[in-house]
Amino acid sequence: MATRYKKGDKVVVISGKDSGKEGTILDVNTEKCRITIEGINIIKRHLKASKEKDGGIVESPAPIHWSKAKIIDPSSNKPTSIGFETVDGKKRRKAKVSGELF
């Protein structure tokens, strides 16, 4: 199945506490419809010290639902929706704003 979001895509958050912030996708979970974005939805986790790791407060990005983010069009640098188009028998992603395939 082709997905609209792929690891490494630049996205902008359109709703929530991090609305308007941009980042790159670190992870895509297609089963739960969630994406993890670098620097977005940062949570703090308190870890207990062990032999291998030091304890303390660790900050890491948590996943958000992918309906709260839009891909940034590579040609116009504007948020865009993604459609699909078949080219040479392969399904390719297409930006709705500019019509560019990527």
C-alpha atoms as a PDB file:
ATOM      1  CA  MET A   1       0.000   0.000   0.000  1.00  0.00           C
ATOM      2  CA  ALA A   2       1.334   3.438  -0.916  1.00  0.00           C
ATOM      3  CA  THR A   3       1.411   5.928   1.933  1.00  0.00           C
ATOM      4  CA  ARG A   4       1.215   9.671   1.731  1.00  0.00           C
ATOM      5  CA  TYR A   5       3.887  10.163   4.396  1.00  0.00           C
ATOM      6  CA  LYS A   6       7.412   8.752   4.172  1.00  0.00           C
ATOM      7  CA  LYS A   7      10.435   8.922   6.434  1.00  0.00           C
ATOM      8  CA  GLY A   8      12.494  12.025   5.668  1.00  0.00           C
ATOM      9  CA  ASP A   9       9.615  14.171   4.318  1.00  0.00           C
ATOM     10  CA  LYS A  10       9.423  17.775   5.511  1.00  0.00           C
ATOM     11  CA  VAL A  11       6.060  18.511   7.135  1.00  0.00           C
ATOM     12  CA  VAL A  12       4.304  21.358   8.927  1.00  0.00           C
ATOM     13  CA  VAL A  13       1.910  20.807  11.850  1.00  0.00           C
ATOM     14  CA  ILE A  14      -1.511  22.340  11.148  1.00  0.00           C
ATOM     15  CA  SER A  15      -3.258  21.857  14.506  1.00  0.00           C
ATOM     16  CA  GLY A  16      -2.507  21.304  18.162  1.00  0.00           C
ATOM     17  CA  LYS A  17       0.008  22.814  20.564  1.00  0.00           C
ATOM     18  CA  ASP A  18       2.810  22.737  17.973  1.00  0.00           C
ATOM     19  CA  SER A  19       0.745  24.321  15.196  1.00  0.00           C
ATOM     20  CA  GLY A  20       2.865  26.075  12.564  1.00  0.00           C
ATOM     21  CA  LYS A  21       6.118  24.271  13.422  1.00  0.00           C
ATOM     22  CA  GLU A  22       8.078  22.407  10.753  1.00  0.00           C
ATOM     23  CA  GLY A  23      10.188  19.275  10.978  1.00  0.00           C
ATOM     24  CA  THR A  24      11.213  16.078   9.236  1.00  0.00           C
ATOM     25  CA  ILE A  25       9.473  12.730   9.699  1.00  0.00           C
ATOM     26  CA  LEU A  26      11.468  10.267  11.813  1.00  0.00           C
ATOM     27  CA  ASP A  27       9.011   7.348  11.846  1.00  0.00           C
ATOM     28  CA  VAL A  28       5.720   6.342  10.197  1.00  0.00           C
ATOM     29  CA  ASN A  29       3.281   3.914  11.847  1.00  0.00           C
ATOM     30  CA  THR A  30       0.688   2.934   9.220  1.00  0.00           C
ATOM     31  CA  GLU A  31      -1.258   0.661  11.570  1.00  0.00           C
ATOM     32  CA  LYS A  32      -2.068   3.467  14.016  1.00  0.00           C
ATOM     33  CA  CYS A  33      -2.013   6.314  11.429  1.00  0.00           C
ATOM     34  CA  ARG A  34       0.691   8.189  13.367  1.00  0.00           C
ATOM     35  CA  ILE A  35       3.943   9.923  12.471  1.00  0.00           C
ATOM     36  CA  THR A  36       6.855  11.035  14.638  1.00  0.00           C
ATOM     37  CA  ILE A  37       8.310  14.423  13.693  1.00  0.00           C
ATOM     38  CA  GLU A  38      11.688  15.760  14.783  1.00  0.00           C
ATOM     39  CA  GLY A  39      11.245  18.483  17.447  1.00  0.00           C
ATOM     40  CA  ILE A  40       7.428  18.185  17.592  1.00  0.00           C
ATOM     41  CA  ASN A  41       5.285  16.918  20.512  1.00  0.00           C
ATOM     42  CA  ILE A  42       8.244  16.615  22.886  1.00  0.00           C
ATOM     43  CA  ILE A  43       7.544  14.567  26.025  1.00  0.00           C
ATOM     44  CA  LYS A  44       9.636  14.218  29.178  1.00  0.00           C
ATOM     45  CA  ARG A  45      10.192  10.749  30.594  1.00  0.00           C
ATOM     46  CA  HIS A  46      11.693  10.041  34.008  1.00  0.00           C
ATOM     47  CA  LEU A  47      14.084   7.089  33.813  1.00  0.00           C
ATOM     48  CA  LYS A  48      15.438   5.134  36.724  1.00  0.00           C
ATOM     49  CA  ALA A  49      19.200   4.554  36.739  1.00  0.00           C
ATOM     50  CA  SER A  50      20.479   1.080  35.919  1.00  0.00           C
ATOM     51  CA  LYS A  51      23.867  -0.522  35.292  1.00  0.00           C
ATOM     52  CA  GLU A  52      23.767   0.305  31.574  1.00  0.00           C
ATOM     53  CA  LYS A  53      22.093   3.721  31.651  1.00  0.00           C
ATOM     54  CA  ASP A  54      22.147   6.830  33.779  1.00  0.00           C
ATOM     55  CA  GLY A  55      18.877   7.958  35.268  1.00  0.00           C
ATOM     56  CA  GLY A  56      17.264  11.334  34.740  1.00  0.00           C
ATOM     57  CA  ILE A  57      14.742  13.151  32.645  1.00  0.00           C
ATOM     58  CA  VAL A  58      14.876  12.289  28.936  1.00  0.00           C
ATOM     59  CA  GLU A  59      13.093  14.347  26.287  1.00  0.00           C
ATOM     60  CA  SER A  60      11.919  12.644  23.094  1.00  0.00           C
ATOM     61  CA  PRO A  61       9.366  13.301  20.340  1.00  0.00           C
ATOM     62  CA  ALA A  62       6.059  11.443  20.621  1.00  0.00           C
ATOM     63  CA  PRO A  63       3.936  10.468  17.598  1.00  0.00           C
ATOM     64  CA  ILE A  64       0.992  12.558  16.408  1.00  0.00           C
ATOM     65  CA  HIS A  65      -1.892  11.612  14.111  1.00  0.00           C
ATOM     66  CA  TRP A  66      -0.960  12.200  10.503  1.00  0.00           C
ATOM     67  CA  SER A  67      -4.111  14.241   9.854  1.00  0.00           C
ATOM     68  CA  LYS A  68      -2.513  16.997  11.955  1.00  0.00           C
ATOM     69  CA  ALA A  69       0.395  17.440   9.518  1.00  0.00           C
ATOM     70  CA  LYS A  70       0.766  18.411   5.871  1.00  0.00           C
ATOM     71  CA  ILE A  71       3.733  17.766   3.606  1.00  0.00           C
ATOM     72  CA  ILE A  72       5.649  20.827   2.425  1.00  0.00           C
ATOM     73  CA  ASP A  73       5.665  21.058  -1.381  1.00  0.00           C
ATOM     74  CA  PRO A  74       9.302  20.861  -2.557  1.00  0.00           C
ATOM     75  CA  SER A  75       8.857  23.420  -5.350  1.00  0.00           C
ATOM     76  CA  SER A  76       6.713  26.101  -3.659  1.00  0.00           C
ATOM     77  CA  ASN A  77       7.548  25.488   0.056  1.00  0.00           C
ATOM     78  CA  LYS A  78       3.824  25.608   0.908  1.00  0.00           C
ATOM     79  CA  PRO A  79       1.790  22.985   2.819  1.00  0.00           C
ATOM     80  CA  THR A  80       0.003  20.691   0.414  1.00  0.00           C
ATOM     81  CA  SER A  81      -2.266  17.684   0.286  1.00  0.00           C
ATOM     82  CA  ILE A  82      -1.003  14.579  -1.484  1.00  0.00           C
ATOM     83  CA  GLY A  83      -2.666  12.646  -4.265  1.00  0.00           C
ATOM     84  CA  PHE A  84      -1.528   9.680  -6.332  1.00  0.00           C
ATOM     85  CA  GLU A  85      -0.874   9.274 -10.031  1.00  0.00           C
ATOM     86  CA  THR A  86       0.222   6.219 -12.011  1.00  0.00           C
ATOM     87  CA  VAL A  87       3.341   6.809 -14.116  1.00  0.00           C
ATOM     88  CA  ASP A  88       4.912   3.929 -16.104  1.00  0.00           C
ATOM     89  CA  GLY A  89       2.943   1.403 -14.061  1.00  0.00           C
ATOM     90  CA  LYS A  90       4.158   2.796 -10.713  1.00  0.00           C
ATOM     91  CA  LYS A  91       2.053   4.688  -8.208  1.00  0.00           C
ATOM     92  CA  ARG A  92       3.706   8.063  -7.484  1.00  0.00           C
ATOM     93  CA  ARG A  93       2.826  10.798  -5.005  1.00  0.00           C
ATOM     94  CA  LYS A  94       1.622  14.094  -6.440  1.00  0.00           C
ATOM     95  CA  ALA A  95       1.449  17.500  -4.714  1.00  0.00           C
ATOM     96  CA  LYS A  96      -2.014  19.072  -5.056  1.00  0.00           C
ATOM     97  CA  VAL A  97      -0.642  22.659  -4.976  1.00  0.00           C
ATOM     98  CA  SER A  98       1.933  22.468  -7.784  1.00  0.00           C
ATOM     99  CA  GLY A  99       1.110  19.145  -9.437  1.00  0.00           C
ATOM    100  CA  GLU A 100       4.732  18.015  -9.073  1.00  0.00           C
ATOM    101  CA  LEU A 101       5.446  14.286  -8.720  1.00  0.00           C
ATOM    102  CA  PHE A 102       7.745  13.051  -5.952  1.00  0.00           C
END
